[in-house]
């Protein structure tokens, strides 16, 4: 089974909505300009993708 993880597109506006709903605190806002995923903490649950108002987060398997 492939592990899932969140991937954030370049169109991220750093609103922080994804960061607030992440159950593992795997998302942070980098330099106030975009969100970053800590791949070691991300469990691929998809909550961030559902919450993103810009729809720039996807869940991928690898």
Protein backbone atom coordinates (compact mmCIF):
# COMPACT_ATOMS: atom_id res chain seq x y z
CA UNK A 1 0.00 0.00 0.00
CA UNK A 2 1.28 3.44 -0.91
CA UNK A 3 1.66 6.08 1.74
CA UNK A 4 -0.42 9.21 1.18
CA UNK A 5 0.76 12.77 1.70
CA UNK A 6 -0.48 16.27 1.08
CA UNK A 7 1.05 18.38 -1.68
CA UNK A 8 0.54 22.14 -1.82
CA UNK A 9 0.49 23.95 -5.16
CA UNK A 10 2.41 27.13 -5.92
CA UNK A 11 -0.82 29.13 -5.90
CA UNK A 12 -1.00 28.92 -2.09
CA UNK A 13 -1.91 32.28 -0.51
CA UNK A 14 -0.78 31.37 3.05
CA UNK A 15 -4.20 31.84 4.64
CA UNK A 16 -3.42 29.22 7.30
CA UNK A 17 -6.72 27.33 7.07
CA UNK A 18 -4.91 24.07 6.36
CA UNK A 19 -2.56 24.58 9.29
CA UNK A 20 -5.48 25.00 11.69
CA UNK A 21 -7.12 21.67 10.78
CA UNK A 22 -4.03 19.45 10.53
CA UNK A 23 -4.28 16.84 13.32
CA UNK A 24 -0.50 16.24 13.28
CA UNK A 25 0.66 19.88 13.06
CA UNK A 26 2.46 18.95 9.84
CA UNK A 27 1.78 22.28 8.12
CA UNK A 28 3.45 25.61 8.71
CA UNK A 29 3.40 28.97 6.96
CA UNK A 30 6.83 29.73 5.52
CA UNK A 31 7.95 33.35 5.62
CA UNK A 32 4.35 34.48 5.48
CA UNK A 33 4.07 33.58 1.81
CA UNK A 34 3.06 29.91 1.46
CA UNK A 35 2.30 26.76 3.43
CA UNK A 36 4.81 23.93 3.81
CA UNK A 37 4.20 20.28 4.63
CA UNK A 38 6.47 18.33 6.95
CA UNK A 39 6.41 15.01 5.09
CA UNK A 40 7.55 13.08 8.15
CA UNK A 41 4.49 14.23 10.13
CA UNK A 42 1.86 14.22 7.34
CA UNK A 43 -0.47 11.21 7.46
CA UNK A 44 -2.34 12.04 4.24
CA UNK A 45 -5.73 12.37 5.94
CA UNK A 46 -6.97 15.02 3.49
CA UNK A 47 -8.43 17.44 6.01
CA UNK A 48 -6.18 20.23 4.73
CA UNK A 49 -7.26 19.66 1.12
CA UNK A 50 -10.93 19.84 2.11
CA UNK A 51 -10.39 23.05 4.09
CA UNK A 52 -8.26 24.92 1.51
CA UNK A 53 -10.35 27.81 0.09
CA UNK A 54 -8.03 28.10 -2.93
CA UNK A 55 -8.22 24.35 -3.67
CA UNK A 56 -4.45 24.10 -4.14
CA UNK A 57 -3.81 21.09 -1.88
CA UNK A 58 -3.99 17.55 -3.21
CA UNK A 59 -3.39 14.16 -1.62
CA UNK A 60 -0.96 11.93 -3.47
CA UNK A 61 0.34 8.44 -2.92
CA UNK A 62 3.96 7.48 -3.22
